[in-house]
Every structure is written in C-alpha cells, then in structure tokens.
Protein backbone atom coordinates (compact mmCIF):
# COMPACT_ATOMS: atom_id res chain seq x y z
CA MET A 1 0.00 0.00 0.01
CA THR A 2 1.35 3.38 -0.89
CA THR A 3 2.48 5.90 1.65
CA LEU A 4 -0.34 8.25 0.64
CA ARG A 5 -2.98 5.56 1.17
CA THR A 6 -1.47 4.62 4.51
CA LEU A 7 -1.43 8.25 5.63
CA ALA A 8 -5.03 8.73 4.43
CA ARG A 9 -6.16 5.62 6.32
CA GLN A 10 -4.40 6.79 9.49
CA VAL A 11 -5.88 10.29 9.23
CA LEU A 12 -9.36 8.82 8.75
CA GLY A 13 -8.80 6.49 11.72
CA ALA A 14 -7.67 9.39 13.91
CA PHE A 15 -10.64 11.47 12.72
CA LEU A 16 -13.06 8.70 13.74
CA ILE A 17 -11.37 8.33 17.13
CA VAL A 18 -11.63 12.08 17.81
CA THR A 19 -15.22 12.14 16.57
CA GLY A 20 -16.13 9.07 18.63
CA THR A 21 -14.57 10.67 21.70
CA GLY A 22 -16.63 13.79 21.01
CA HIS A 23 -19.80 11.68 20.89
CA LEU A 24 -19.04 10.47 24.40
CA SER A 25 -17.84 13.74 25.91
CA PHE A 26 -17.21 17.29 24.69
CA ALA A 27 -19.60 17.34 21.67
CA ARG A 28 -22.37 15.06 22.90
CA THR A 29 -25.08 17.72 22.76
CA GLU A 30 -23.96 18.84 19.30
CA PHE A 31 -24.21 15.28 17.98
CA GLN A 32 -27.72 14.95 19.41
CA ALA A 33 -28.78 17.66 16.93
CA GLN A 34 -28.01 15.20 14.13
CA VAL A 35 -30.26 12.42 15.38
CA PRO A 36 -33.37 12.44 13.18
CA SER A 37 -36.55 13.30 15.06
CA TRP A 38 -38.27 10.26 13.50
CA ILE A 39 -35.89 7.75 15.13
CA PRO A 40 -37.83 6.10 17.98
CA VAL A 41 -34.75 5.84 20.22
CA ASP A 42 -33.45 8.34 22.75
CA ALA A 43 -31.08 10.73 20.92
CA ASP A 44 -28.42 10.42 23.63
CA ARG A 45 -28.44 6.63 23.30
CA VAL A 46 -27.97 6.92 19.53
CA VAL A 47 -25.07 9.33 20.07
CA VAL A 48 -23.37 7.03 22.59
CA VAL A 49 -23.76 3.89 20.44
CA SER A 50 -22.53 5.65 17.31
CA GLY A 51 -19.64 7.14 19.29
CA VAL A 52 -18.53 3.71 20.47
CA ALA A 53 -18.83 2.45 16.89
CA GLU A 54 -16.65 5.31 15.64
CA LEU A 55 -14.00 4.56 18.27
CA VAL A 56 -13.91 0.89 17.31
CA LEU A 57 -13.82 1.66 13.59
CA GLY A 58 -11.11 4.29 14.06
CA LEU A 59 -8.98 1.83 16.00
CA ALA A 60 -9.59 -0.83 13.35
CA LEU A 61 -8.40 1.54 10.64
CA LEU A 62 -5.20 2.12 12.60
CA ALA A 63 -4.50 -1.39 13.85
CA ALA A 64 -6.07 -3.95 11.51
CA PRO A 65 -3.57 -6.26 9.85
CA GLN A 66 -3.11 -5.78 6.10
CA ARG A 67 -5.26 -8.78 5.20
CA TRP A 68 -8.28 -7.27 7.04
CA ARG A 69 -7.98 -3.66 5.87
CA GLY A 70 -10.23 -4.05 2.83
CA ARG A 71 -12.99 -5.50 4.97
CA VAL A 72 -12.54 -2.76 7.53
CA GLY A 73 -12.86 -0.22 4.72
CA TRP A 74 -16.20 -1.71 3.66
CA VAL A 75 -17.49 -1.66 7.25
CA VAL A 76 -16.39 1.95 7.72
CA ALA A 77 -18.02 2.92 4.41
CA ALA A 78 -21.25 1.14 5.42
CA PHE A 79 -21.22 2.98 8.77
CA LEU A 80 -20.75 6.32 7.01
CA VAL A 81 -23.69 5.53 4.75
CA ALA A 82 -25.78 4.46 7.75
CA ILE A 83 -25.24 7.76 9.57
CA PHE A 84 -26.02 9.85 6.50
CA PRO A 85 -29.73 10.20 7.49
CA GLY A 86 -28.53 12.11 10.56
CA ASN A 87 -26.77 14.65 8.40
CA LEU A 88 -29.78 14.80 6.11
CA ALA A 89 -32.11 15.32 9.10
CA GLN A 90 -29.91 18.13 10.41
CA TRP A 91 -30.26 19.86 7.05
CA ALA A 92 -33.99 19.11 6.54
CA GLU A 93 -34.93 20.10 10.10
CA GLY A 94 -32.70 23.18 10.13
CA ARG A 95 -30.82 22.19 13.28
CA ASP A 96 -27.75 24.17 14.18
CA ALA A 97 -24.70 22.25 15.37
CA PHE A 98 -20.95 22.37 14.85
CA GLY A 99 -21.18 25.87 13.41
CA LEU A 100 -23.52 24.67 10.67
CA ASP A 101 -26.06 27.44 11.16
CA SER A 102 -27.44 27.83 7.64
CA ASP A 103 -29.03 25.57 5.06
CA ALA A 104 -26.08 26.19 2.76
CA ALA A 105 -23.53 25.12 5.39
CA ARG A 106 -25.55 22.00 6.21
CA ALA A 107 -25.86 21.19 2.48
CA VAL A 108 -22.08 21.37 2.04
CA ARG A 109 -21.78 18.81 4.80
CA LEU A 110 -24.12 16.50 2.89
CA VAL A 111 -21.81 16.65 -0.11
CA PHE A 112 -18.81 15.76 2.05
CA GLN A 113 -20.30 12.45 3.29
CA PRO A 114 -19.77 10.59 -0.03
CA VAL A 115 -16.19 11.88 0.02
CA LEU A 116 -15.70 10.16 3.38
CA VAL A 117 -17.16 6.92 1.99
CA ALA A 118 -14.77 7.04 -0.98
CA TRP A 119 -11.90 7.91 1.38
CA ALA A 120 -12.59 4.81 3.49
CA LEU A 121 -12.74 2.53 0.45
CA TRP A 122 -9.69 3.99 -1.26
CA SER A 123 -7.40 4.35 1.78
CA THR A 124 -7.95 0.75 2.89
CA GLY A 125 -7.57 -0.74 -0.57
CA ALA A 126 -11.16 -2.06 -0.39
CA TRP A 127 -11.99 -1.01 -3.96
CA ARG A 128 -8.81 -2.55 -5.32
CA GLU A 129 -9.43 -5.78 -3.41
CA TRP A 130 -13.05 -5.93 -4.66
CA ARG A 131 -11.99 -5.37 -8.29
CA ARG A 132 -9.31 -8.04 -8.00
CA THR A 133 -11.82 -10.51 -6.52
CA ALA A 134 -14.45 -9.65 -9.14
CA GLN A 135 -11.97 -10.21 -11.95
CA SER A 136 -10.70 -13.52 -10.64
CA GLY A 137 -13.98 -14.90 -9.30
CA SER A 138 -14.67 -15.87 -5.72
CA THR A 139 -12.11 -18.72 -5.78
CA GLY A 140 -9.22 -16.40 -6.52
CA ARG A 141 -8.58 -18.15 -9.87
CA PRO A 142 -8.91 -16.30 -13.17
CA ARG A 143 -12.29 -16.78 -14.85
CA ARG A 144 -12.52 -18.79 -18.05
CA ALA A 145 -13.44 -16.86 -21.16
CA ASP A 146 -16.61 -18.97 -21.70
CA SER A 147 -18.03 -18.40 -18.20
C-alpha cells in the first residue's frame, strides 16, 4: 500500500477516534442535533452507540492487519452511509450544530459524506481488493473466457 494511502487511512482512523470521543464527551449535545426526530430511540443513546462504533472503527483503521484492511474499509463505508440520514435530518430540520447554522452550510456537509465513503474505500484498498476478486472470481482463480 502506498504511503499516501497509509497516511489517508491513518488520518481517517484518527478522525473517527476524535469524533467518537466527542460523541461520548465534549460534543455530545452537538451530535444529538443530528439524530433524526423520527428515530424512535433516545437521541443520547444513539449518540453514545454511534460514538462507540466510531471509536472501534477508528482503532480498526489504525490497527487492523493488512489482510483485514479491505474488509474494515467496507465496514467503515457502510457505517458512514448508515449515519447519512442524521446529516440529512440536520439539514432538513434546520438544526444548528458544529457551526452549521445555515441551510447552505448543512448542504455542504451533505456533499462531504460521499467523500468520506470514498476515502474509506480507497485508503484501505477495499476497492482494489473488490476489483481483484471480481476479476478472478470468488475462488481467486482467473475466470474462463466462456463463463
């Protein structure tokens, strides 16, 4: 894996650890503003659970052995997709948090979420691993031309 990918993976891991820590401490109230009003679970509980998940995923990005990094990338990407409704709800409901105090600022944040998903997949080599597997078939052997 290239130095740039490694650095990108480490930065994303550190970002998730800081964000997860914020969920559990200094930014807990701010994160509650992102919990959609239609979720039938206490907002603080959602913030705590997602914070723990971010800590675990951040640590996995930093510490997972090479052979697991692609899988970790897919899990991180899935998590980032799963929390997207929170960002969407913050925009749709006009909730201020993290200095996002206008519809335009909240909309910019929405655009950044797919960038994070791509970052997780690229920095862990998940895309490359998937393409390699798709080209060779699930057995790891090259596919025959007639299949």
